[in-house]
Amino acid sequence: MSNTVELVDITRVGNSSHTIRCGVGESPVWLDSHQAWFWVDIIGRTIWSSDATGSHLQSWQTAEMIGCLTPTRSTTANAGQPLEFIAGMESGIFTLVLEKEGKLSSQHLAAPAELQPGMRFNDGRCDRQGRFWSGTMLIDMSEPRAAGHLYRYSAEQGVSAPVVSNLLVQNGLAWSPDGRTMYLSDSHPNSQLIWAFDYDTDSGTPHNQRVLVDMKNYDGRPDGAAIDVDGCYWICGNDAGRILRFTPDGKLDRQIAVPMAKPTMCCFGGANMDTLMVASIAAGQSQDDVWAGATVLLRPGVQGFAETAFAT
């Protein structure tokens, strides 16, 4: 079933004097404590923020490319606390503190031994217990070498050894509502697979890896994802301009067309958790494509979950 829904281009209605277009928009997250959206432009080395309506936009520059970010529990618990995030970047995992007037401070926390020059962290988020997960990839996607790994990070144990290996472009991390199923995808054209794992919530260990969806059978490469309250998996169909919803048994039951050819990641948020933010890519797209790199809000008719904050 294909659906069209009303959407708002949040990067056109803010207080900016120009239209914001992300080279590689990624990692949207809703911060209920601050009633604000956050997302990143990987190659633009920028973190963006907007209120719920897009009427106020802010940005912070990072020293290196940032693949993903997730808030800490101190930030989500108290709107008066500094905006603190855990982020996966080029040289490892960082704490980032976003201050007023675009000022940012950072602290390098850890880096796996396998992270080499020419690589970076990509998609990432926390499991239901607050452990941070993210994977690595080669920056040059034209080199089809499965050098990427998926890692777990906690303040107590630091960064793990590789948990899942032989990844081209790690993506699509998400957890079922009860946290007992972990999802992971590989976006590279040579892979295009979505996997499900049984997940031990006590130890933070995935096992019983199996193919949930082979996206070669559908339009678009699997990119970033979100979970709704029904336990269904929403995946951005990169190159196909659509968001696909799969049931927990891997059945496609809905598609939503979006005007951006290369949507990257979606996230539920808003006052009722019924709004979906979708980021996208401008890099490599025609300059005449006014939607390339846009970040939009839409209401798909279902609710999702707030992202679990990092347990500091």
C-alpha atoms as a PDB file:
ATOM      1  CA  MET A   1       0.000   0.000   0.000  1.00  0.00           C
ATOM      2  CA  SER A   2       1.403   3.391  -0.997  1.00  0.00           C
ATOM      3  CA  ASN A   3       0.403   6.576   0.801  1.00  0.00           C
ATOM      4  CA  THR A   4       0.967  10.279   0.415  1.00  0.00           C
ATOM      5  CA  VAL A   5       0.861  12.465   3.504  1.00  0.00           C
ATOM      6  CA  GLU A   6       1.071  16.161   4.207  1.00  0.00           C
ATOM      7  CA  LEU A   7       4.605  17.269   4.970  1.00  0.00           C
ATOM      8  CA  VAL A   8       6.472  20.392   6.074  1.00  0.00           C
ATOM      9  CA  ASP A   9       9.948  21.277   4.861  1.00  0.00           C
ATOM     10  CA  ILE A  10      11.374  22.337   8.216  1.00  0.00           C
ATOM     11  CA  THR A  11      14.473  23.817   6.598  1.00  0.00           C
ATOM     12  CA  ARG A  12      12.448  26.401   4.674  1.00  0.00           C
ATOM     13  CA  VAL A  13      10.290  27.916   7.398  1.00  0.00           C
ATOM     14  CA  GLY A  14      12.903  28.841   9.992  1.00  0.00           C
ATOM     15  CA  ASN A  15      14.543  32.172  10.775  1.00  0.00           C
ATOM     16  CA  SER A  16      17.415  31.503   8.392  1.00  0.00           C
ATOM     17  CA  SER A  17      17.949  33.924   5.523  1.00  0.00           C
ATOM     18  CA  HIS A  18      18.626  31.037   3.153  1.00  0.00           C
ATOM     19  CA  THR A  19      17.341  27.567   2.484  1.00  0.00           C
ATOM     20  CA  ILE A  20      19.215  24.868   4.402  1.00  0.00           C
ATOM     21  CA  ARG A  21      20.251  21.866   2.377  1.00  0.00           C
ATOM     22  CA  CYS A  22      22.348  19.129   3.997  1.00  0.00           C
ATOM     23  CA  GLY A  23      25.101  17.516   1.980  1.00  0.00           C
ATOM     24  CA  VAL A  24      24.349  14.311   3.887  1.00  0.00           C
ATOM     25  CA  GLY A  25      21.551  14.886   6.381  1.00  0.00           C
ATOM     26  CA  GLU A  26      21.379  12.163   9.037  1.00  0.00           C
ATOM     27  CA  SER A  27      20.560  11.079  12.596  1.00  0.00           C
ATOM     28  CA  PRO A  28      17.367  13.020  13.419  1.00  0.00           C
ATOM     29  CA  VAL A  29      16.329  12.856  17.065  1.00  0.00           C
ATOM     30  CA  TRP A  30      13.501  14.459  19.053  1.00  0.00           C
ATOM     31  CA  LEU A  31      14.326  15.864  22.501  1.00  0.00           C
ATOM     32  CA  ASP A  32      11.037  16.018  24.381  1.00  0.00           C
ATOM     33  CA  SER A  33      12.640  17.798  27.340  1.00  0.00           C
ATOM     34  CA  HIS A  34      13.544  20.698  25.059  1.00  0.00           C
ATOM     35  CA  GLN A  35      10.677  20.320  22.548  1.00  0.00           C
ATOM     36  CA  ALA A  36      13.245  20.367  19.782  1.00  0.00           C
ATOM     37  CA  TRP A  37      14.542  18.342  16.854  1.00  0.00           C
ATOM     38  CA  PHE A  38      18.219  17.722  16.224  1.00  0.00           C
ATOM     39  CA  TRP A  39      19.949  16.271  13.154  1.00  0.00           C
ATOM     40  CA  VAL A  40      23.379  16.349  11.496  1.00  0.00           C
ATOM     41  CA  ASP A  41      24.957  17.143   8.150  1.00  0.00           C
ATOM     42  CA  ILE A  42      27.774  14.617   7.963  1.00  0.00           C
ATOM     43  CA  ILE A  43      29.918  16.169   5.263  1.00  0.00           C
ATOM     44  CA  GLY A  44      28.911  19.683   6.317  1.00  0.00           C
ATOM     45  CA  ARG A  45      30.250  18.918   9.820  1.00  0.00           C
ATOM     46  CA  THR A  46      27.193  20.593  11.313  1.00  0.00           C
ATOM     47  CA  ILE A  47      24.601  19.828  13.973  1.00  0.00           C
ATOM     48  CA  TRP A  48      21.226  21.451  13.333  1.00  0.00           C
ATOM     49  CA  SER A  49      18.359  22.075  15.744  1.00  0.00           C
ATOM     50  CA  SER A  50      14.818  23.315  15.329  1.00  0.00           C
ATOM     51  CA  ASP A  51      11.814  23.773  17.564  1.00  0.00           C
ATOM     52  CA  ALA A  52       8.706  21.701  16.826  1.00  0.00           C
ATOM     53  CA  THR A  53       7.466  24.042  14.088  1.00  0.00           C
ATOM     54  CA  GLY A  54      10.728  25.068  12.476  1.00  0.00           C
ATOM     55  CA  SER A  55      10.335  28.683  13.578  1.00  0.00           C
ATOM     56  CA  HIS A  56      13.734  28.767  15.277  1.00  0.00           C
ATOM     57  CA  LEU A  57      16.858  27.146  13.845  1.00  0.00           C
ATOM     58  CA  GLN A  58      20.302  26.809  15.438  1.00  0.00           C
ATOM     59  CA  SER A  59      23.549  25.202  14.302  1.00  0.00           C
ATOM     60  CA  TRP A  60      26.896  24.077  15.700  1.00  0.00           C
ATOM     61  CA  GLN A  61      30.049  23.254  13.721  1.00  0.00           C
ATOM     62  CA  THR A  62      32.037  20.108  14.531  1.00  0.00           C
ATOM     63  CA  ALA A  63      35.767  19.605  14.006  1.00  0.00           C
ATOM     64  CA  GLU A  64      35.265  16.441  11.952  1.00  0.00           C
ATOM     65  CA  MET A  65      32.490  14.567  10.203  1.00  0.00           C
ATOM     66  CA  ILE A  66      29.727  13.415  12.535  1.00  0.00           C
ATOM     67  CA  GLY A  67      27.737  10.325  11.621  1.00  0.00           C
ATOM     68  CA  CYS A  68      25.247  10.149  14.480  1.00  0.00           C
ATOM     69  CA  LEU A  69      24.327  11.581  17.849  1.00  0.00           C
ATOM     70  CA  THR A  70      22.075  10.648  20.758  1.00  0.00           C
ATOM     71  CA  PRO A  71      21.296  12.612  23.936  1.00  0.00           C
ATOM     72  CA  THR A  72      22.512  11.683  27.393  1.00  0.00           C
ATOM     73  CA  ARG A  73      20.084  11.014  30.240  1.00  0.00           C
ATOM     74  CA  SER A  74      21.117  14.173  32.057  1.00  0.00           C
ATOM     75  CA  THR A  75      19.921  16.157  29.022  1.00  0.00           C
ATOM     76  CA  THR A  76      16.608  14.349  28.569  1.00  0.00           C
ATOM     77  CA  ALA A  77      15.795  14.467  32.287  1.00  0.00           C
ATOM     78  CA  ASN A  78      16.205  18.199  32.758  1.00  0.00           C
ATOM     79  CA  ALA A  79      15.657  20.974  30.233  1.00  0.00           C
ATOM     80  CA  GLY A  80      17.871  23.197  32.351  1.00  0.00           C
ATOM     81  CA  GLN A  81      20.928  20.997  31.826  1.00  0.00           C
ATOM     82  CA  PRO A  82      23.426  21.664  29.011  1.00  0.00           C
ATOM     83  CA  LEU A  83      22.666  19.909  25.741  1.00  0.00           C
ATOM     84  CA  GLU A  84      24.939  16.871  25.941  1.00  0.00           C
ATOM     85  CA  PHE A  85      25.148  14.172  23.287  1.00  0.00           C
ATOM     86  CA  ILE A  86      27.132  11.038  22.522  1.00  0.00           C
ATOM     87  CA  ALA A  87      28.332  11.087  18.918  1.00  0.00           C
ATOM     88  CA  GLY A  88      30.044   8.750  16.471  1.00  0.00           C
ATOM     89  CA  MET A  89      32.569  10.679  14.388  1.00  0.00           C
ATOM     90  CA  GLU A  90      35.671  10.115  12.249  1.00  0.00           C
ATOM     91  CA  SER A  91      38.197   9.430  14.995  1.00  0.00           C
ATOM     92  CA  GLY A  92      35.927   7.727  17.499  1.00  0.00           C
ATOM     93  CA  ILE A  93      33.123   8.251  19.996  1.00  0.00           C
ATOM     94  CA  PHE A  94      32.760  11.677  21.605  1.00  0.00           C
ATOM     95  CA  THR A  95      30.770  13.596  24.163  1.00  0.00           C
ATOM     96  CA  LEU A  96      29.524  16.852  22.628  1.00  0.00           C
ATOM     97  CA  VAL A  97      28.106  19.716  24.679  1.00  0.00           C
ATOM     98  CA  LEU A  98      26.099  22.256  22.661  1.00  0.00           C
ATOM     99  CA  GLU A  99      26.243  25.732  24.150  1.00  0.00           C
ATOM    100  CA  LYS A 100      24.596  29.008  23.246  1.00  0.00           C
ATOM    101  CA  GLU A 101      25.498  31.031  20.172  1.00  0.00           C
ATOM    102  CA  GLY A 102      26.740  28.002  18.288  1.00  0.00           C
ATOM    103  CA  LYS A 103      29.555  27.153  20.694  1.00  0.00           C
ATOM    104  CA  LEU A 104      30.454  23.486  21.101  1.00  0.00           C
ATOM    105  CA  SER A 105      32.826  21.600  23.378  1.00  0.00           C
ATOM    106  CA  SER A 106      33.887  18.002  22.842  1.00  0.00           C
ATOM    107  CA  GLN A 107      35.644  15.156  24.621  1.00  0.00           C
ATOM    108  CA  HIS A 108      37.036  12.087  22.893  1.00  0.00           C
ATOM    109  CA  LEU A 109      35.829   9.001  24.762  1.00  0.00           C
ATOM    110  CA  ALA A 110      37.026   5.959  22.852  1.00  0.00           C
ATOM    111  CA  ALA A 111      38.042   4.539  19.488  1.00  0.00           C
ATOM    112  CA  PRO A 112      38.174   0.900  18.418  1.00  0.00           C
ATOM    113  CA  ALA A 113      41.479  -0.479  17.210  1.00  0.00           C
ATOM    114  CA  GLU A 114      39.955  -1.283  13.797  1.00  0.00           C
ATOM    115  CA  LEU A 115      39.076   2.372  13.084  1.00  0.00           C
ATOM    116  CA  GLN A 116      41.626   3.543  10.509  1.00  0.00           C
ATOM    117  CA  PRO A 117      42.157   6.768   8.509  1.00  0.00           C
ATOM    118  CA  GLY A 118      39.641   6.934   5.680  1.00  0.00           C
ATOM    119  CA  MET A 119      36.888   5.500   7.884  1.00  0.00           C
ATOM    120  CA  ARG A 120      34.218   7.016  10.118  1.00  0.00           C
ATOM    121  CA  PHE A 121      31.323   6.063  12.323  1.00  0.00           C
ATOM    122  CA  ASN A 122      27.941   6.071  10.598  1.00  0.00           C
ATOM    123  CA  ASP A 123      24.466   5.245  11.935  1.00  0.00           C
ATOM    124  CA  GLY A 124      24.037   4.928  15.698  1.00  0.00           C
ATOM    125  CA  ARG A 125      21.609   5.027  18.626  1.00  0.00           C
ATOM    126  CA  CYS A 126      21.057   3.497  22.066  1.00  0.00           C
ATOM    127  CA  ASP A 127      19.389   0.231  22.937  1.00  0.00           C
ATOM    128  CA  ARG A 128      16.458   0.285  25.407  1.00  0.00           C
ATOM    129  CA  GLN A 129      18.910   0.026  28.318  1.00  0.00           C
ATOM    130  CA  GLY A 130      20.899   3.109  27.261  1.00  0.00           C
ATOM    131  CA  ARG A 131      23.976   1.465  25.725  1.00  0.00           C
ATOM    132  CA  PHE A 132      25.268   3.325  22.671  1.00  0.00           C
ATOM    133  CA  TRP A 133      25.681   1.364  19.440  1.00  0.00           C
ATOM    134  CA  SER A 134      27.267   2.535  16.195  1.00  0.00           C
ATOM    135  CA  GLY A 135      29.125   1.097  13.235  1.00  0.00           C
ATOM    136  CA  THR A 136      32.020   2.083  11.018  1.00  0.00           C
ATOM    137  CA  MET A 137      32.420   2.343   7.269  1.00  0.00           C
ATOM    138  CA  LEU A 138      34.867   3.448   4.594  1.00  0.00           C
ATOM    139  CA  ILE A 139      34.260   7.102   3.715  1.00  0.00           C
ATOM    140  CA  ASP A 140      34.748   6.274   0.030  1.00  0.00           C
ATOM    141  CA  MET A 141      31.725   4.100  -0.738  1.00  0.00           C
ATOM    142  CA  SER A 142      33.055   3.388  -4.233  1.00  0.00           C
ATOM    143  CA  GLU A 143      35.514   0.978  -2.637  1.00  0.00           C
ATOM    144  CA  PRO A 144      33.346  -2.097  -1.985  1.00  0.00           C
ATOM    145  CA  ARG A 145      35.388  -3.460   0.900  1.00  0.00           C
ATOM    146  CA  ALA A 146      33.574  -4.879   3.925  1.00  0.00           C
ATOM    147  CA  ALA A 147      35.812  -3.154   6.479  1.00  0.00           C
ATOM    148  CA  GLY A 148      33.015  -1.938   8.759  1.00  0.00           C
ATOM    149  CA  HIS A 149      32.128  -3.249  12.213  1.00  0.00           C
ATOM    150  CA  LEU A 150      29.336  -2.668  14.693  1.00  0.00           C
ATOM    151  CA  TYR A 151      30.322  -1.694  18.259  1.00  0.00           C
ATOM    152  CA  ARG A 152      28.710  -1.251  21.662  1.00  0.00           C
ATOM    153  CA  TYR A 153      29.826   1.539  23.999  1.00  0.00           C
ATOM    154  CA  SER A 154      29.039   2.130  27.673  1.00  0.00           C
ATOM    155  CA  ALA A 155      30.620   4.413  30.239  1.00  0.00           C
ATOM    156  CA  GLU A 156      31.401   1.421  32.430  1.00  0.00           C
ATOM    157  CA  GLN A 157      32.891  -0.938  29.836  1.00  0.00           C
ATOM    158  CA  GLY A 158      34.093   1.461  27.145  1.00  0.00           C
ATOM    159  CA  VAL A 159      34.009   0.427  23.497  1.00  0.00           C
ATOM    160  CA  SER A 160      33.543  -3.271  22.742  1.00  0.00           C
ATOM    161  CA  ALA A 161      35.363  -5.502  20.330  1.00  0.00           C
ATOM    162  CA  PRO A 162      33.514  -5.788  16.993  1.00  0.00           C
ATOM    163  CA  VAL A 163      30.093  -7.319  17.616  1.00  0.00           C
ATOM    164  CA  VAL A 164      29.065  -7.627  13.941  1.00  0.00           C
ATOM    165  CA  SER A 165      31.709  -7.529  11.196  1.00  0.00           C
ATOM    166  CA  ASN A 166      32.046  -7.575   7.395  1.00  0.00           C
ATOM    167  CA  LEU A 167      29.807  -4.542   6.897  1.00  0.00           C
ATOM    168  CA  LEU A 168      30.080  -2.266   3.874  1.00  0.00           C
ATOM    169  CA  VAL A 169      27.836   0.612   5.024  1.00  0.00           C
ATOM    170  CA  GLN A 170      26.395  -0.054   8.479  1.00  0.00           C
ATOM    171  CA  ASN A 171      22.911   1.389   8.934  1.00  0.00           C
ATOM    172  CA  GLY A 172      19.343   0.830  10.112  1.00  0.00           C
ATOM    173  CA  LEU A 173      19.916   0.288  13.843  1.00  0.00           C
ATOM    174  CA  ALA A 174      16.703  -0.068  15.855  1.00  0.00           C
ATOM    175  CA  TRP A 175      15.212  -2.095  18.684  1.00  0.00           C
ATOM    176  CA  SER A 176      11.760  -3.610  19.114  1.00  0.00           C
ATOM    177  CA  PRO A 177       9.469  -2.056  21.752  1.00  0.00           C
ATOM    178  CA  ASP A 178      10.484  -4.685  24.330  1.00  0.00           C
ATOM    179  CA  GLY A 179      14.156  -4.370  23.357  1.00  0.00           C
ATOM    180  CA  ARG A 180      14.499  -8.081  22.615  1.00  0.00           C
ATOM    181  CA  THR A 181      14.988  -7.757  18.856  1.00  0.00           C
ATOM    182  CA  MET A 182      17.756  -5.698  17.285  1.00  0.00           C
ATOM    183  CA  TYR A 183      17.635  -4.558  13.659  1.00  0.00           C
ATOM    184  CA  LEU A 184      20.594  -3.667  11.441  1.00  0.00           C
ATOM    185  CA  SER A 185      21.007  -2.947   7.736  1.00  0.00           C
ATOM    186  CA  ASP A 186      23.770  -2.559   5.177  1.00  0.00           C
ATOM    187  CA  SER A 187      23.071   0.226   2.674  1.00  0.00           C
ATOM    188  CA  HIS A 188      25.748  -0.530   0.112  1.00  0.00           C
ATOM    189  CA  PRO A 189      24.435  -1.461  -3.373  1.00  0.00           C
ATOM    190  CA  ASN A 190      26.344  -4.750  -3.086  1.00  0.00           C
ATOM    191  CA  SER A 191      24.431  -5.712   0.069  1.00  0.00           C
ATOM    192  CA  GLN A 192      21.037  -4.008   0.632  1.00  0.00           C
ATOM    193  CA  LEU A 193      20.086  -6.374   3.447  1.00  0.00           C
ATOM    194  CA  ILE A 194      18.138  -5.813   6.665  1.00  0.00           C
ATOM    195  CA  TRP A 195      18.851  -8.254   9.499  1.00  0.00           C
ATOM    196  CA  ALA A 196      17.091  -9.071  12.739  1.00  0.00           C
ATOM    197  CA  PHE A 197      18.826 -10.462  15.832  1.00  0.00           C
ATOM    198  CA  ASP A 198      17.593 -11.852  19.109  1.00  0.00           C
ATOM    199  CA  TYR A 199      18.902  -9.446  21.753  1.00  0.00           C
ATOM    200  CA  ASP A 200      19.949 -10.231  25.315  1.00  0.00           C
ATOM    201  CA  THR A 201      18.883  -7.104  27.211  1.00  0.00           C
ATOM    202  CA  ASP A 202      20.968  -7.996  30.277  1.00  0.00           C
ATOM    203  CA  SER A 203      24.319  -8.336  28.539  1.00  0.00           C
ATOM    204  CA  GLY A 204      23.604  -6.203  25.452  1.00  0.00           C
ATOM    205  CA  THR A 205      24.466  -9.088  23.135  1.00  0.00           C
ATOM    206  CA  PRO A 206      22.775  -9.809  19.787  1.00  0.00           C
ATOM    207  CA  HIS A 207      22.633 -13.375  18.452  1.00  0.00           C
ATOM    208  CA  ASN A 208      20.712 -15.523  15.962  1.00  0.00           C
ATOM    209  CA  GLN A 209      21.323 -13.173  13.022  1.00  0.00           C
ATOM    210  CA  ARG A 210      18.879 -13.716  10.146  1.00  0.00           C
ATOM    211  CA  VAL A 211      17.795 -11.805   7.042  1.00  0.00           C
ATOM    212  CA  LEU A 212      14.580  -9.902   7.705  1.00  0.00           C
ATOM    213  CA  VAL A 213      14.334  -8.192   4.312  1.00  0.00           C
ATOM    214  CA  ASP A 214      16.351  -8.361   1.103  1.00  0.00           C
ATOM    215  CA  MET A 215      15.867  -4.824  -0.197  1.00  0.00           C
ATOM    216  CA  LYS A 216      16.980  -5.817  -3.671  1.00  0.00           C
ATOM    217  CA  ASN A 217      13.380  -6.983  -4.010  1.00  0.00           C
ATOM    218  CA  TYR A 218      12.054  -3.472  -3.289  1.00  0.00           C
ATOM    219  CA  ASP A 219      12.681   0.089  -4.407  1.00  0.00           C
ATOM    220  CA  GLY A 220      15.522   1.843  -2.632  1.00  0.00           C
ATOM    221  CA  ARG A 221      18.560   0.894  -0.570  1.00  0.00           C
ATOM    222  CA  PRO A 222      17.959   0.430   3.188  1.00  0.00           C
ATOM    223  CA  ASP A 223      19.225   3.415   5.172  1.00  0.00           C
ATOM    224  CA  GLY A 224      18.281   4.706   8.645  1.00  0.00           C
ATOM    225  CA  ALA A 225      15.248   3.410  10.509  1.00  0.00           C
ATOM    226  CA  ALA A 226      12.712   3.905  13.311  1.00  0.00           C
ATOM    227  CA  ILE A 227      10.280   1.705  15.265  1.00  0.00           C
ATOM    228  CA  ASP A 228       6.603   2.469  15.898  1.00  0.00           C
ATOM    229  CA  VAL A 229       4.405   1.408  18.822  1.00  0.00           C
ATOM    230  CA  ASP A 230       3.171  -1.609  16.839  1.00  0.00           C
ATOM    231  CA  GLY A 231       6.742  -2.870  16.589  1.00  0.00           C
ATOM    232  CA  CYS A 232       6.942  -2.164  12.860  1.00  0.00           C
ATOM    233  CA  TYR A 233      10.219  -1.108  11.283  1.00  0.00           C
ATOM    234  CA  TRP A 234      10.274   2.089   9.183  1.00  0.00           C
ATOM    235  CA  ILE A 235      13.244   2.205   6.798  1.00  0.00           C
ATOM    236  CA  CYS A 236      14.281   4.998   4.434  1.00  0.00           C
ATOM    237  CA  GLY A 237      14.456   3.788   0.841  1.00  0.00           C
ATOM    238  CA  ASN A 238      17.500   5.705  -0.360  1.00  0.00           C
ATOM    239  CA  ASP A 239      17.518   6.422  -4.131  1.00  0.00           C
ATOM    240  CA  ALA A 240      13.777   5.662  -4.325  1.00  0.00           C
ATOM    241  CA  GLY A 241      12.175   8.640  -2.546  1.00  0.00           C
ATOM    242  CA  ARG A 242      10.109   6.609  -0.135  1.00  0.00           C
ATOM    243  CA  ILE A 243       9.758   5.339   3.426  1.00  0.00           C
ATOM    244  CA  LEU A 244       8.846   1.655   3.814  1.00  0.00           C
ATOM    245  CA  ARG A 245       7.162   0.050   6.821  1.00  0.00           C
ATOM    246  CA  PHE A 246       7.864  -3.617   7.502  1.00  0.00           C
ATOM    247  CA  THR A 247       6.099  -5.764  10.070  1.00  0.00           C
ATOM    248  CA  PRO A 248       8.220  -7.714  12.604  1.00  0.00           C
ATOM    249  CA  ASP A 249       8.059 -10.762  10.314  1.00  0.00           C
ATOM    250  CA  GLY A 250       9.461  -8.807   7.364  1.00  0.00           C
ATOM    251  CA  LYS A 251       6.242  -8.134   5.441  1.00  0.00           C
ATOM    252  CA  LEU A 252       5.965  -4.801   3.627  1.00  0.00           C
ATOM    253  CA  ASP A 253       2.622  -3.286   4.599  1.00  0.00           C
ATOM    254  CA  ARG A 254       3.007   0.404   3.734  1.00  0.00           C
ATOM    255  CA  GLN A 255       5.029   2.881   1.678  1.00  0.00           C
ATOM    256  CA  ILE A 256       5.084   6.679   1.884  1.00  0.00           C
ATOM    257  CA  ALA A 257       6.426   8.737  -0.999  1.00  0.00           C
ATOM    258  CA  VAL A 258       8.664  11.674  -0.081  1.00  0.00           C
ATOM    259  CA  PRO A 259       9.889  14.364  -2.491  1.00  0.00           C
ATOM    260  CA  MET A 260      13.585  13.737  -1.778  1.00  0.00           C
ATOM    261  CA  ALA A 261      15.151  11.023  -3.923  1.00  0.00           C
ATOM    262  CA  LYS A 262      17.655  10.105  -1.214  1.00  0.00           C
ATOM    263  CA  PRO A 263      16.001  10.000   2.233  1.00  0.00           C
ATOM    264  CA  THR A 264      18.502   8.825   4.814  1.00  0.00           C
ATOM    265  CA  MET A 265      16.963   8.350   8.254  1.00  0.00           C
ATOM    266  CA  CYS A 266      13.639   8.867   9.996  1.00  0.00           C
ATOM    267  CA  CYS A 267      12.734   9.449  13.632  1.00  0.00           C
ATOM    268  CA  PHE A 268       9.467   9.767  15.547  1.00  0.00           C
ATOM    269  CA  GLY A 269       8.881  12.800  17.746  1.00  0.00           C
ATOM    270  CA  GLY A 270       6.680  15.790  18.416  1.00  0.00           C
ATOM    271  CA  ALA A 271       4.298  16.406  21.303  1.00  0.00           C
ATOM    272  CA  ASN A 272       2.340  13.179  20.684  1.00  0.00           C
ATOM    273  CA  MET A 273       5.204  11.166  19.160  1.00  0.00           C
ATOM    274  CA  ASP A 274       3.162  11.050  15.940  1.00  0.00           C
ATOM    275  CA  THR A 275       5.462  13.129  13.721  1.00  0.00           C
ATOM    276  CA  LEU A 276       8.178  11.617  11.573  1.00  0.00           C
ATOM    277  CA  MET A 277      11.290  13.648  10.751  1.00  0.00           C
ATOM    278  CA  VAL A 278      13.083  12.541   7.573  1.00  0.00           C
ATOM    279  CA  ALA A 279      16.561  13.757   6.600  1.00  0.00           C
ATOM    280  CA  SER A 280      18.089  13.470   3.116  1.00  0.00           C
ATOM    281  CA  ILE A 281      21.134  13.904   0.871  1.00  0.00           C
ATOM    282  CA  ALA A 282      21.986  16.768  -1.490  1.00  0.00           C
ATOM    283  CA  ALA A 283      25.489  15.593  -2.409  1.00  0.00           C
ATOM    284  CA  GLY A 284      25.595  14.277  -5.958  1.00  0.00           C
ATOM    285  CA  GLN A 285      22.087  15.485  -6.755  1.00  0.00           C
ATOM    286  CA  SER A 286      21.109  18.078  -9.343  1.00  0.00           C
ATOM    287  CA  GLN A 287      21.256  21.678  -8.123  1.00  0.00           C
ATOM    288  CA  ASP A 288      17.824  22.076  -9.715  1.00  0.00           C
ATOM    289  CA  ASP A 289      16.371  19.516  -7.292  1.00  0.00           C
ATOM    290  CA  VAL A 290      14.892  21.808  -4.645  1.00  0.00           C
ATOM    291  CA  TRP A 291      14.194  18.887  -2.303  1.00  0.00           C
ATOM    292  CA  ALA A 292      17.647  17.303  -2.299  1.00  0.00           C
ATOM    293  CA  GLY A 293      19.116  17.611   1.197  1.00  0.00           C
ATOM    294  CA  ALA A 294      15.856  18.825   2.723  1.00  0.00           C
ATOM    295  CA  THR A 295      14.681  17.793   6.186  1.00  0.00           C
ATOM    296  CA  VAL A 296      10.927  17.286   6.384  1.00  0.00           C
ATOM    297  CA  LEU A 297       8.228  16.517   8.938  1.00  0.00           C
ATOM    298  CA  LEU A 298       5.220  14.321   8.174  1.00  0.00           C
ATOM    299  CA  ARG A 299       2.469  12.586  10.110  1.00  0.00           C
ATOM    300  CA  PRO A 300       2.123   8.957   9.043  1.00  0.00           C
ATOM    301  CA  GLY A 301      -0.888   8.180  11.260  1.00  0.00           C
ATOM    302  CA  VAL A 302       0.971   6.103  13.867  1.00  0.00           C
ATOM    303  CA  GLN A 303       2.997   6.855  16.963  1.00  0.00           C
ATOM    304  CA  GLY A 304       6.590   5.977  17.689  1.00  0.00           C
ATOM    305  CA  PHE A 305       8.951   5.840  20.635  1.00  0.00           C
ATOM    306  CA  ALA A 306      11.244   8.466  22.075  1.00  0.00           C
ATOM    307  CA  GLU A 307      14.892   7.583  21.500  1.00  0.00           C
ATOM    308  CA  THR A 308      16.490   6.031  24.569  1.00  0.00           C
ATOM    309  CA  ALA A 309      19.110   8.353  26.019  1.00  0.00           C
ATOM    310  CA  PHE A 310      22.660   7.286  26.765  1.00  0.00           C
ATOM    311  CA  ALA A 311      23.001   6.023  30.339  1.00  0.00           C
ATOM    312  CA  THR A 312      25.898   8.086  31.660  1.00  0.00           C
END
